[in-house]
Amino acid sequence: MFVSPAYAQDAGAAGGLISIIPFILIFVIMYFLLIRPQQKKMKEHQAMVSALRRGDQIVTQGGIVGKVVKVKEDGEIEVEIAEGVKVRVIKSTVATVLSKTEPATKD
């Protein structure tokens, strides 16, 4: 009618290990579905931002479309959004590069 204490203790040790396995599997699945792709996307964005140069057509996260006029060293770029209208933009707010300029060739 009653379970002996020794039998109950043995079942608890095996059950503890088995109850941790679903949490480990959930973490592994979350890593491959969420964390890893986000890290890859961040690396691609960093590479795109570091490759910005004068003459590139860009779109900022705010939706402003313009042409890069000057790339500054302090994390800013100067963007011409209309003829004679230039704004300073933080490099990391660039969402996409519409057209890249070709690097100058030395002839």
PDB file of N, CA and C in Angstrom:
ATOM      1  N   MET A   1       0.805  -1.176   0.000  1.00  0.00           N
ATOM      2  CA  MET A   1       0.000   0.000   0.000  1.00  0.00           C
ATOM      3  C   MET A   1       0.870   1.270   0.000  1.00  0.00           C
ATOM      4  N   PHE A   2       1.912   1.333   0.826  1.00  0.00           N
ATOM      5  CA  PHE A   2       2.819   2.474   0.846  1.00  0.00           C
ATOM      6  C   PHE A   2       4.110   2.131   0.121  1.00  0.00           C
ATOM      7  N   VAL A   3       4.726   3.120  -0.473  1.00  0.00           N
ATOM      8  CA  VAL A   3       5.994   2.932  -1.177  1.00  0.00           C
ATOM      9  C   VAL A   3       7.112   3.064  -0.158  1.00  0.00           C
ATOM     10  N   SER A   4       8.089   2.176  -0.244  1.00  0.00           N
ATOM     11  CA  SER A   4       9.193   2.256   0.712  1.00  0.00           C
ATOM     12  C   SER A   4      10.035   3.490   0.428  1.00  0.00           C
ATOM     13  N   PRO A   5      10.646   4.123   1.435  1.00  0.00           N
ATOM     14  CA  PRO A   5      11.446   5.335   1.224  1.00  0.00           C
ATOM     15  C   PRO A   5      12.649   5.114   0.306  1.00  0.00           C
ATOM     16  N   ALA A   6      13.256   3.972   0.341  1.00  0.00           N
ATOM     17  CA  ALA A   6      14.421   3.703  -0.509  1.00  0.00           C
ATOM     18  C   ALA A   6      14.016   3.691  -1.976  1.00  0.00           C
ATOM     19  N   TYR A   7      12.890   3.106  -2.296  1.00  0.00           N
ATOM     20  CA  TYR A   7      12.416   3.054  -3.672  1.00  0.00           C
ATOM     21  C   TYR A   7      12.078   4.455  -4.185  1.00  0.00           C
ATOM     22  N   ALA A   8      11.490   5.269  -3.364  1.00  0.00           N
ATOM     23  CA  ALA A   8      11.108   6.625  -3.750  1.00  0.00           C
ATOM     24  C   ALA A   8      12.339   7.486  -3.992  1.00  0.00           C
ATOM     25  N   GLN A   9      13.398   7.334  -3.232  1.00  0.00           N
ATOM     26  CA  GLN A   9      14.614   8.115  -3.434  1.00  0.00           C
ATOM     27  C   GLN A   9      15.288   7.734  -4.733  1.00  0.00           C
ATOM     28  N   ASP A  10      15.297   6.487  -5.089  1.00  0.00           N
ATOM     29  CA  ASP A  10      15.941   6.042  -6.318  1.00  0.00           C
ATOM     30  C   ASP A  10      15.222   6.611  -7.543  1.00  0.00           C
ATOM     31  N   ALA A  11      13.926   6.651  -7.520  1.00  0.00           N
ATOM     32  CA  ALA A  11      13.152   7.177  -8.647  1.00  0.00           C
ATOM     33  C   ALA A  11      13.385   8.688  -8.796  1.00  0.00           C
ATOM     34  N   GLY A  12      13.585   9.394  -7.714  1.00  0.00           N
ATOM     35  CA  GLY A  12      13.799  10.837  -7.781  1.00  0.00           C
ATOM     36  C   GLY A  12      15.115  11.197  -8.446  1.00  0.00           C
ATOM     37  N   ALA A  13      16.162  10.428  -8.256  1.00  0.00           N
ATOM     38  CA  ALA A  13      17.463  10.727  -8.859  1.00  0.00           C
ATOM     39  C   ALA A  13      17.413  10.557 -10.363  1.00  0.00           C
ATOM     40  N   ALA A  14      16.774   9.519 -10.841  1.00  0.00           N
ATOM     41  CA  ALA A  14      16.675   9.296 -12.286  1.00  0.00           C
ATOM     42  C   ALA A  14      15.719  10.296 -12.915  1.00  0.00           C
ATOM     43  N   GLY A  15      14.670  10.643 -12.219  1.00  0.00           N
ATOM     44  CA  GLY A  15      13.693  11.585 -12.743  1.00  0.00           C
ATOM     45  C   GLY A  15      14.238  13.001 -12.851  1.00  0.00           C
ATOM     46  N   GLY A  16      15.184  13.362 -11.995  1.00  0.00           N
ATOM     47  CA  GLY A  16      15.776  14.700 -12.043  1.00  0.00           C
ATOM     48  C   GLY A  16      16.558  14.937 -13.314  1.00  0.00           C
ATOM     49  N   LEU A  17      17.303  13.944 -13.739  1.00  0.00           N
ATOM     50  CA  LEU A  17      18.094  14.065 -14.973  1.00  0.00           C
ATOM     51  C   LEU A  17      17.180  14.122 -16.191  1.00  0.00           C
ATOM     52  N   ILE A  18      16.158  13.296 -16.175  1.00  0.00           N
ATOM     53  CA  ILE A  18      15.237  13.259 -17.313  1.00  0.00           C
ATOM     54  C   ILE A  18      14.432  14.562 -17.401  1.00  0.00           C
ATOM     55  N   SER A  19      14.148  15.199 -16.290  1.00  0.00           N
ATOM     56  CA  SER A  19      13.369  16.440 -16.329  1.00  0.00           C
ATOM     57  C   SER A  19      14.189  17.621 -16.835  1.00  0.00           C
ATOM     58  N   ILE A  20      15.511  17.528 -16.832  1.00  0.00           N
ATOM     59  CA  ILE A  20      16.365  18.611 -17.342  1.00  0.00           C
ATOM     60  C   ILE A  20      16.525  18.542 -18.856  1.00  0.00           C
ATOM     61  N   ILE A  21      16.410  17.374 -19.435  1.00  0.00           N
ATOM     62  CA  ILE A  21      16.632  17.187 -20.872  1.00  0.00           C
ATOM     63  C   ILE A  21      15.714  18.063 -21.731  1.00  0.00           C
ATOM     64  N   PRO A  22      14.422  18.208 -21.456  1.00  0.00           N
ATOM     65  CA  PRO A  22      13.592  19.101 -22.290  1.00  0.00           C
ATOM     66  C   PRO A  22      14.070  20.559 -22.271  1.00  0.00           C
ATOM     67  N   PHE A  23      14.562  21.035 -21.128  1.00  0.00           N
ATOM     68  CA  PHE A  23      15.060  22.408 -21.074  1.00  0.00           C
ATOM     69  C   PHE A  23      16.303  22.575 -21.940  1.00  0.00           C
ATOM     70  N   ILE A  24      17.162  21.577 -21.935  1.00  0.00           N
ATOM     71  CA  ILE A  24      18.369  21.619 -22.769  1.00  0.00           C
ATOM     72  C   ILE A  24      17.976  21.601 -24.240  1.00  0.00           C
ATOM     73  N   LEU A  25      17.032  20.766 -24.620  1.00  0.00           N
ATOM     74  CA  LEU A  25      16.583  20.709 -26.010  1.00  0.00           C
ATOM     75  C   LEU A  25      15.933  22.026 -26.445  1.00  0.00           C
ATOM     76  N   ILE A  26      15.157  22.640 -25.582  1.00  0.00           N
ATOM     77  CA  ILE A  26      14.540  23.926 -25.903  1.00  0.00           C
ATOM     78  C   ILE A  26      15.604  24.984 -26.139  1.00  0.00           C
ATOM     79  N   PHE A  27      16.638  25.015 -25.295  1.00  0.00           N
ATOM     80  CA  PHE A  27      17.712  25.989 -25.472  1.00  0.00           C
ATOM     81  C   PHE A  27      18.446  25.761 -26.780  1.00  0.00           C
ATOM     82  N   VAL A  28      18.734  24.511 -27.131  1.00  0.00           N
ATOM     83  CA  VAL A  28      19.430  24.209 -28.392  1.00  0.00           C
ATOM     84  C   VAL A  28      18.588  24.646 -29.584  1.00  0.00           C
ATOM     85  N   ILE A  29      17.302  24.359 -29.542  1.00  0.00           N
ATOM     86  CA  ILE A  29      16.421  24.756 -30.641  1.00  0.00           C
ATOM     87  C   ILE A  29      16.345  26.278 -30.747  1.00  0.00           C
ATOM     88  N   MET A  30      16.225  26.970 -29.630  1.00  0.00           N
ATOM     89  CA  MET A  30      16.171  28.434 -29.638  1.00  0.00           C
ATOM     90  C   MET A  30      17.471  29.021 -30.185  1.00  0.00           C
ATOM     91  N   TYR A  31      18.594  28.395 -29.855  1.00  0.00           N
ATOM     92  CA  TYR A  31      19.883  28.883 -30.349  1.00  0.00           C
ATOM     93  C   TYR A  31      19.919  28.818 -31.868  1.00  0.00           C
ATOM     94  N   PHE A  32      19.542  27.680 -32.444  1.00  0.00           N
ATOM     95  CA  PHE A  32      19.635  27.528 -33.892  1.00  0.00           C
ATOM     96  C   PHE A  32      18.541  28.275 -34.637  1.00  0.00           C
ATOM     97  N   LEU A  33      17.411  28.539 -34.016  1.00  0.00           N
ATOM     98  CA  LEU A  33      16.327  29.240 -34.713  1.00  0.00           C
ATOM     99  C   LEU A  33      16.342  30.751 -34.509  1.00  0.00           C
ATOM    100  N   LEU A  34      16.854  31.230 -33.366  1.00  0.00           N
ATOM    101  CA  LEU A  34      16.781  32.664 -33.079  1.00  0.00           C
ATOM    102  C   LEU A  34      18.146  33.322 -32.911  1.00  0.00           C
ATOM    103  N   ILE A  35      18.955  32.808 -32.043  1.00  0.00           N
ATOM    104  CA  ILE A  35      20.196  33.493 -31.671  1.00  0.00           C
ATOM    105  C   ILE A  35      21.205  33.481 -32.812  1.00  0.00           C
ATOM    106  N   ARG A  36      21.461  32.326 -33.392  1.00  0.00           N
ATOM    107  CA  ARG A  36      22.473  32.218 -34.442  1.00  0.00           C
ATOM    108  C   ARG A  36      22.126  33.044 -35.687  1.00  0.00           C
ATOM    109  N   PRO A  37      20.895  32.986 -36.215  1.00  0.00           N
ATOM    110  CA  PRO A  37      20.576  33.836 -37.373  1.00  0.00           C
ATOM    111  C   PRO A  37      20.687  35.328 -37.068  1.00  0.00           C
ATOM    112  N   GLN A  38      20.322  35.733 -35.845  1.00  0.00           N
ATOM    113  CA  GLN A  38      20.429  37.141 -35.474  1.00  0.00           C
ATOM    114  C   GLN A  38      21.882  37.587 -35.443  1.00  0.00           C
ATOM    115  N   GLN A  39      22.778  36.746 -34.935  1.00  0.00           N
ATOM    116  CA  GLN A  39      24.201  37.073 -34.913  1.00  0.00           C
ATOM    117  C   GLN A  39      24.745  37.186 -36.331  1.00  0.00           C
ATOM    118  N   LYS A  40      24.303  36.300 -37.222  1.00  0.00           N
ATOM    119  CA  LYS A  40      24.753  36.348 -38.615  1.00  0.00           C
ATOM    120  C   LYS A  40      24.282  37.642 -39.286  1.00  0.00           C
ATOM    121  N   LYS A  41      23.037  38.016 -39.020  1.00  0.00           N
ATOM    122  CA  LYS A  41      22.485  39.248 -39.597  1.00  0.00           C
ATOM    123  C   LYS A  41      23.250  40.473 -39.088  1.00  0.00           C
ATOM    124  N   MET A  42      23.609  40.475 -37.805  1.00  0.00           N
ATOM    125  CA  MET A  42      24.366  41.585 -37.239  1.00  0.00           C
ATOM    126  C   MET A  42      25.748  41.699 -37.878  1.00  0.00           C
ATOM    127  N   LYS A  43      26.408  40.567 -38.121  1.00  0.00           N
ATOM    128  CA  LYS A  43      27.720  40.586 -38.770  1.00  0.00           C
ATOM    129  C   LYS A  43      27.627  41.128 -40.194  1.00  0.00           C
ATOM    130  N   GLU A  44      26.589  40.723 -40.928  1.00  0.00           N
ATOM    131  CA  GLU A  44      26.393  41.224 -42.293  1.00  0.00           C
ATOM    132  C   GLU A  44      26.151  42.733 -42.284  1.00  0.00           C
ATOM    133  N   HIS A  45      25.361  43.224 -41.326  1.00  0.00           N
ATOM    134  CA  HIS A  45      25.088  44.654 -41.232  1.00  0.00           C
ATOM    135  C   HIS A  45      26.365  45.417 -40.898  1.00  0.00           C
ATOM    136  N   GLN A  46      27.179  44.891 -39.969  1.00  0.00           N
ATOM    137  CA  GLN A  46      28.455  45.536 -39.631  1.00  0.00           C
ATOM    138  C   GLN A  46      29.353  45.624 -40.856  1.00  0.00           C
ATOM    139  N   ALA A  47      29.416  44.552 -41.644  1.00  0.00           N
ATOM    140  CA  ALA A  47      30.249  44.549 -42.852  1.00  0.00           C
ATOM    141  C   ALA A  47      29.736  45.578 -43.855  1.00  0.00           C
ATOM    142  N   MET A  48      28.415  45.675 -44.007  1.00  0.00           N
ATOM    143  CA  MET A  48      27.831  46.640 -44.940  1.00  0.00           C
ATOM    144  C   MET A  48      28.145  48.069 -44.499  1.00  0.00           C
ATOM    145  N   VAL A  49      28.006  48.338 -43.209  1.00  0.00           N
ATOM    146  CA  VAL A  49      28.246  49.684 -42.691  1.00  0.00           C
ATOM    147  C   VAL A  49      29.731  50.047 -42.813  1.00  0.00           C
ATOM    148  N   SER A  50      30.604  49.115 -42.546  1.00  0.00           N
ATOM    149  CA  SER A  50      32.032  49.426 -42.630  1.00  0.00           C
ATOM    150  C   SER A  50      32.497  49.609 -44.075  1.00  0.00           C
ATOM    151  N   ALA A  51      31.734  49.061 -45.033  1.00  0.00           N
ATOM    152  CA  ALA A  51      32.109  49.196 -46.438  1.00  0.00           C
ATOM    153  C   ALA A  51      31.496  50.430 -47.106  1.00  0.00           C
ATOM    154  N   LEU A  52      30.779  51.265 -46.366  1.00  0.00           N
ATOM    155  CA  LEU A  52      30.199  52.475 -46.954  1.00  0.00           C
ATOM    156  C   LEU A  52      31.298  53.410 -47.437  1.00  0.00           C
ATOM    157  N   ARG A  53      31.072  54.011 -48.587  1.00  0.00           N
ATOM    158  CA  ARG A  53      32.023  55.001 -49.100  1.00  0.00           C
ATOM    159  C   ARG A  53      31.272  56.063 -49.896  1.00  0.00           C
ATOM    160  N   ARG A  54      31.992  57.082 -50.232  1.00  0.00           N
ATOM    161  CA  ARG A  54      31.419  58.232 -50.919  1.00  0.00           C
ATOM    162  C   ARG A  54      30.765  57.814 -52.231  1.00  0.00           C
ATOM    163  N   GLY A  55      29.547  58.299 -52.468  1.00  0.00           N
ATOM    164  CA  GLY A  55      28.835  58.012 -53.707  1.00  0.00           C
ATOM    165  C   GLY A  55      27.800  56.903 -53.591  1.00  0.00           C
ATOM    166  N   ASP A  56      27.788  56.156 -52.497  1.00  0.00           N
ATOM    167  CA  ASP A  56      26.805  55.083 -52.325  1.00  0.00           C
ATOM    168  C   ASP A  56      25.413  55.664 -52.116  1.00  0.00           C
ATOM    169  N   GLN A  57      24.418  55.053 -52.736  1.00  0.00           N
ATOM    170  CA  GLN A  57      23.021  55.405 -52.506  1.00  0.00           C
ATOM    171  C   GLN A  57      22.533  54.541 -51.347  1.00  0.00           C
ATOM    172  N   ILE A  58      21.983  55.157 -50.304  1.00  0.00           N
ATOM    173  CA  ILE A  58      21.576  54.421 -49.115  1.00  0.00           C
ATOM    174  C   ILE A  58      20.142  54.746 -48.718  1.00  0.00           C
ATOM    175  N   VAL A  59      19.581  53.896 -47.857  1.00  0.00           N
ATOM    176  CA  VAL A  59      18.298  54.147 -47.209  1.00  0.00           C
ATOM    177  C   VAL A  59      18.544  53.980 -45.715  1.00  0.00           C
ATOM    178  N   THR A  60      18.143  54.983 -44.931  1.00  0.00           N
ATOM    179  CA  THR A  60      18.308  54.893 -43.482  1.00  0.00           C
ATOM    180  C   THR A  60      17.109  54.159 -42.881  1.00  0.00           C
ATOM    181  N   GLN A  61      17.215  53.815 -41.610  1.00  0.00           N
ATOM    182  CA  GLN A  61      16.112  53.139 -40.939  1.00  0.00           C
ATOM    183  C   GLN A  61      14.896  54.035 -40.813  1.00  0.00           C
ATOM    184  N   GLY A  62      15.094  55.341 -40.895  1.00  0.00           N
ATOM    185  CA  GLY A  62      13.980  56.288 -40.856  1.00  0.00           C
ATOM    186  C   GLY A  62      13.314  56.473 -42.204  1.00  0.00           C
ATOM    187  N   GLY A  63      13.866  55.830 -43.256  1.00  0.00           N
ATOM    188  CA  GLY A  63      13.274  55.905 -44.581  1.00  0.00           C
ATOM    189  C   GLY A  63      13.835  57.007 -45.454  1.00  0.00           C
ATOM    190  N   ILE A  64      14.902  57.657 -45.023  1.00  0.00           N
ATOM    191  CA  ILE A  64      15.500  58.724 -45.819  1.00  0.00           C
ATOM    192  C   ILE A  64      16.417  58.099 -46.862  1.00  0.00           C
ATOM    193  N   VAL A  65      16.216  58.482 -48.126  1.00  0.00           N
ATOM    194  CA  VAL A  65      17.043  57.990 -49.221  1.00  0.00           C
ATOM    195  C   VAL A  65      18.007  59.105 -49.590  1.00  0.00           C
ATOM    196  N   GLY A  66      19.269  58.757 -49.741  1.00  0.00           N
ATOM    197  CA  GLY A  66      20.243  59.782 -50.081  1.00  0.00           C
ATOM    198  C   GLY A  66      21.534  59.192 -50.586  1.00  0.00           C
ATOM    199  N   LYS A  67      22.467  60.090 -50.862  1.00  0.00           N
ATOM    200  CA  LYS A  67      23.767  59.723 -51.410  1.00  0.00           C
ATOM    201  C   LYS A  67      24.837  60.118 -50.400  1.00  0.00           C
ATOM    202  N   VAL A  68      25.749  59.204 -50.110  1.00  0.00           N
ATOM    203  CA  VAL A  68      26.809  59.474 -49.150  1.00  0.00           C
ATOM    204  C   VAL A  68      27.775  60.487 -49.767  1.00  0.00           C
ATOM    205  N   VAL A  69      27.982  61.590 -49.055  1.00  0.00           N
ATOM    206  CA  VAL A  69      28.889  62.640 -49.521  1.00  0.00           C
ATOM    207  C   VAL A  69      30.236  62.519 -48.819  1.00  0.00           C
ATOM    208  N   LYS A  70      30.199  62.226 -47.526  1.00  0.00           N
ATOM    209  CA  LYS A  70      31.429  62.155 -46.753  1.00  0.00           C
ATOM    210  C   LYS A  70      31.285  61.082 -45.685  1.00  0.00           C
ATOM    211  N   VAL A  71      32.339  60.285 -45.510  1.00  0.00           N
ATOM    212  CA  VAL A  71      32.378  59.274 -44.455  1.00  0.00           C
ATOM    213  C   VAL A  71      33.338  59.787 -43.398  1.00  0.00           C
ATOM    214  N   LYS A  72      32.826  59.996 -42.187  1.00  0.00           N
ATOM    215  CA  LYS A  72      33.651  60.513 -41.097  1.00  0.00           C
ATOM    216  C   LYS A  72      34.138  59.351 -40.242  1.00  0.00           C
ATOM    217  N   GLU A  73      35.193  59.587 -39.490  1.00  0.00           N
ATOM    218  CA  GLU A  73      35.797  58.541 -38.667  1.00  0.00           C
ATOM    219  C   GLU A  73      35.059  58.302 -37.358  1.00  0.00           C
ATOM    220  N   ASP A  74      34.238  59.224 -36.914  1.00  0.00           N
ATOM    221  CA  ASP A  74      33.580  59.103 -35.614  1.00  0.00           C
ATOM    222  C   ASP A  74      32.220  58.403 -35.684  1.00  0.00           C
ATOM    223  N   GLY A  75      32.017  57.544 -36.683  1.00  0.00           N
ATOM    224  CA  GLY A  75      30.772  56.790 -36.773  1.00  0.00           C
ATOM    225  C   GLY A  75      29.642  57.530 -37.451  1.00  0.00           C
ATOM    226  N   GLU A  76      29.947  58.615 -38.123  1.00  0.00           N
ATOM    227  CA  GLU A  76      28.922  59.388 -38.824  1.00  0.00           C
ATOM    228  C   GLU A  76      29.216  59.418 -40.311  1.00  0.00           C
ATOM    229  N   ILE A  77      28.180  59.655 -41.080  1.00  0.00           N
ATOM    230  CA  ILE A  77      28.335  59.914 -42.503  1.00  0.00           C
ATOM    231  C   ILE A  77      27.511  61.152 -42.836  1.00  0.00           C
ATOM    232  N   GLU A  78      27.899  61.817 -43.881  1.00  0.00           N
ATOM    233  CA  GLU A  78      27.142  62.967 -44.357  1.00  0.00           C
ATOM    234  C   GLU A  78      26.408  62.524 -45.611  1.00  0.00           C
ATOM    235  N   VAL A  79      25.090  62.701 -45.621  1.00  0.00           N
ATOM    236  CA  VAL A  79      24.238  62.220 -46.697  1.00  0.00           C
ATOM    237  C   VAL A  79      23.536  63.393 -47.352  1.00  0.00           C
ATOM    238  N   GLU A  80      23.566  63.417 -48.677  1.00  0.00           N
ATOM    239  CA  GLU A  80      22.860  64.449 -49.432  1.00  0.00           C
ATOM    240  C   GLU A  80      21.495  63.874 -49.810  1.00  0.00           C
ATOM    241  N   ILE A  81      20.425  64.489 -49.266  1.00  0.00           N
ATOM    242  CA  ILE A  81      19.080  63.973 -49.522  1.00  0.00           C
ATOM    243  C   ILE A  81      18.369  64.749 -50.627  1.00  0.00           C
ATOM    244  N   ALA A  82      18.847  65.918 -50.944  1.00  0.00           N
ATOM    245  CA  ALA A  82      18.352  66.719 -52.062  1.00  0.00           C
ATOM    246  C   ALA A  82      19.530  67.597 -52.490  1.00  0.00           C
ATOM    247  N   GLU A  83      19.407  68.233 -53.613  1.00  0.00           N
ATOM    248  CA  GLU A  83      20.510  69.051 -54.108  1.00  0.00           C
ATOM    249  C   GLU A  83      20.780  70.200 -53.131  1.00  0.00           C
ATOM    250  N   GLY A  84      21.973  70.180 -52.550  1.00  0.00           N
ATOM    251  CA  GLY A  84      22.370  71.209 -51.606  1.00  0.00           C
ATOM    252  C   GLY A  84      21.907  70.968 -50.175  1.00  0.00           C
ATOM    253  N   VAL A  85      21.179  69.880 -49.910  1.00  0.00           N
ATOM    254  CA  VAL A  85      20.703  69.571 -48.566  1.00  0.00           C
ATOM    255  C   VAL A  85      21.459  68.352 -48.045  1.00  0.00           C
ATOM    256  N   LYS A  86      22.284  68.593 -47.027  1.00  0.00           N
ATOM    257  CA  LYS A  86      23.088  67.507 -46.461  1.00  0.00           C
ATOM    258  C   LYS A  86      22.724  67.321 -44.997  1.00  0.00           C
ATOM    259  N   VAL A  87      22.662  66.062 -44.566  1.00  0.00           N
ATOM    260  CA  VAL A  87      22.382  65.743 -43.168  1.00  0.00           C
ATOM    261  C   VAL A  87      23.451  64.792 -42.655  1.00  0.00           C
ATOM    262  N   ARG A  88      23.706  64.893 -41.348  1.00  0.00           N
ATOM    263  CA  ARG A  88      24.630  63.955 -40.704  1.00  0.00           C
ATOM    264  C   ARG A  88      23.822  62.777 -40.174  1.00  0.00           C
ATOM    265  N   VAL A  89      24.294  61.580 -40.440  1.00  0.00           N
ATOM    266  CA  VAL A  89      23.584  60.365 -40.049  1.00  0.00           C
ATOM    267  C   VAL A  89      24.572  59.432 -39.367  1.00  0.00           C
ATOM    268  N   ILE A  90      24.130  58.759 -38.328  1.00  0.00           N
ATOM    269  CA  ILE A  90      24.956  57.745 -37.673  1.00  0.00           C
ATOM    270  C   ILE A  90      25.037  56.537 -38.606  1.00  0.00           C
ATOM    271  N   LYS A  91      26.236  55.986 -38.764  1.00  0.00           N
ATOM    272  CA  LYS A  91      26.438  54.875 -39.700  1.00  0.00           C
ATOM    273  C   LYS A  91      25.539  53.680 -39.411  1.00  0.00           C
ATOM    274  N   SER A  92      25.345  53.362 -38.144  1.00  0.00           N
ATOM    275  CA  SER A  92      24.586  52.155 -37.808  1.00  0.00           C
ATOM    276  C   SER A  92      23.106  52.266 -38.145  1.00  0.00           C
ATOM    277  N   THR A  93      22.607  53.462 -38.473  1.00  0.00           N
ATOM    278  CA  THR A  93      21.202  53.611 -38.839  1.00  0.00           C
ATOM    279  C   THR A  93      20.958  53.392 -40.328  1.00  0.00           C
ATOM    280  N   VAL A  94      21.988  53.037 -41.074  1.00  0.00           N
ATOM    281  CA  VAL A  94      21.808  52.731 -42.490  1.00  0.00           C
ATOM    282  C   VAL A  94      21.164  51.359 -42.598  1.00  0.00           C
ATOM    283  N   ALA A  95      20.015  51.287 -43.268  1.00  0.00           N
ATOM    284  CA  ALA A  95      19.290  50.021 -43.390  1.00  0.00           C
ATOM    285  C   ALA A  95      19.775  49.219 -44.590  1.00  0.00           C
ATOM    286  N   THR A  96      19.850  49.866 -45.755  1.00  0.00           N
ATOM    287  CA  THR A  96      20.288  49.165 -46.964  1.00  0.00           C
ATOM    288  C   THR A  96      21.116  50.090 -47.832  1.00  0.00           C
ATOM    289  N   VAL A  97      21.895  49.475 -48.691  1.00  0.00           N
ATOM    290  CA  VAL A  97      22.661  50.202 -49.697  1.00  0.00           C
ATOM    291  C   VAL A  97      22.004  49.884 -51.033  1.00  0.00           C
ATOM    292  N   LEU A  98      21.463  50.910 -51.693  1.00  0.00           N
ATOM    293  CA  LEU A  98      20.763  50.700 -52.954  1.00  0.00           C
ATOM    294  C   LEU A  98      21.736  50.460 -54.097  1.00  0.00           C
ATOM    295  N   SER A  99      22.762  51.288 -54.200  1.00  0.00           N
ATOM    296  CA  SER A  99      23.756  51.102 -55.272  1.00  0.00           C
ATOM    297  C   SER A  99      25.126  51.468 -54.728  1.00  0.00           C
ATOM    298  N   LYS A 100      26.068  50.604 -55.024  1.00  0.00           N
ATOM    299  CA  LYS A 100      27.441  50.813 -54.587  1.00  0.00           C
ATOM    300  C   LYS A 100      28.203  51.511 -55.703  1.00  0.00           C
ATOM    301  N   THR A 101      29.147  52.349 -55.309  1.00  0.00           N
ATOM    302  CA  THR A 101      30.040  52.943 -56.282  1.00  0.00           C
ATOM    303  C   THR A 101      31.230  52.028 -56.452  1.00  0.00           C
ATOM    304  N   GLU A 102      31.761  52.022 -57.612  1.00  0.00           N
ATOM    305  CA  GLU A 102      32.940  51.195 -57.891  1.00  0.00           C
ATOM    306  C   GLU A 102      34.168  51.895 -57.338  1.00  0.00           C
ATOM    307  N   PRO A 103      35.110  51.139 -56.776  1.00  0.00           N
ATOM    308  CA  PRO A 103      36.325  51.774 -56.292  1.00  0.00           C
ATOM    309  C   PRO A 103      37.123  52.373 -57.444  1.00  0.00           C
ATOM    310  N   ALA A 104      37.790  53.457 -57.148  1.00  0.00           N
ATOM    311  CA  ALA A 104      38.580  54.133 -58.170  1.00  0.00           C
ATOM    312  C   ALA A 104      39.761  53.248 -58.571  1.00  0.00           C
ATOM    313  N   THR A 105      39.984  53.120 -59.877  1.00  0.00           N
ATOM    314  CA  THR A 105      41.115  52.333 -60.355  1.00  0.00           C
ATOM    315  C   THR A 105      42.256  53.260 -60.700  1.00  0.00           C
ATOM    316  N   LYS A 106      43.445  52.800 -60.422  1.00  0.00           N
ATOM    317  CA  LYS A 106      44.633  53.602 -60.730  1.00  0.00           C
ATOM    318  C   LYS A 106      45.179  53.155 -62.080  1.00  0.00           C
ATOM    319  N   ASP A 107      45.135  54.058 -63.030  1.00  0.00           N
ATOM    320  CA  ASP A 107      45.635  53.745 -64.383  1.00  0.00           C
ATOM    321  C   ASP A 107      46.968  54.413 -64.617  1.00  0.00           C
TER     322      ASP A 107
END
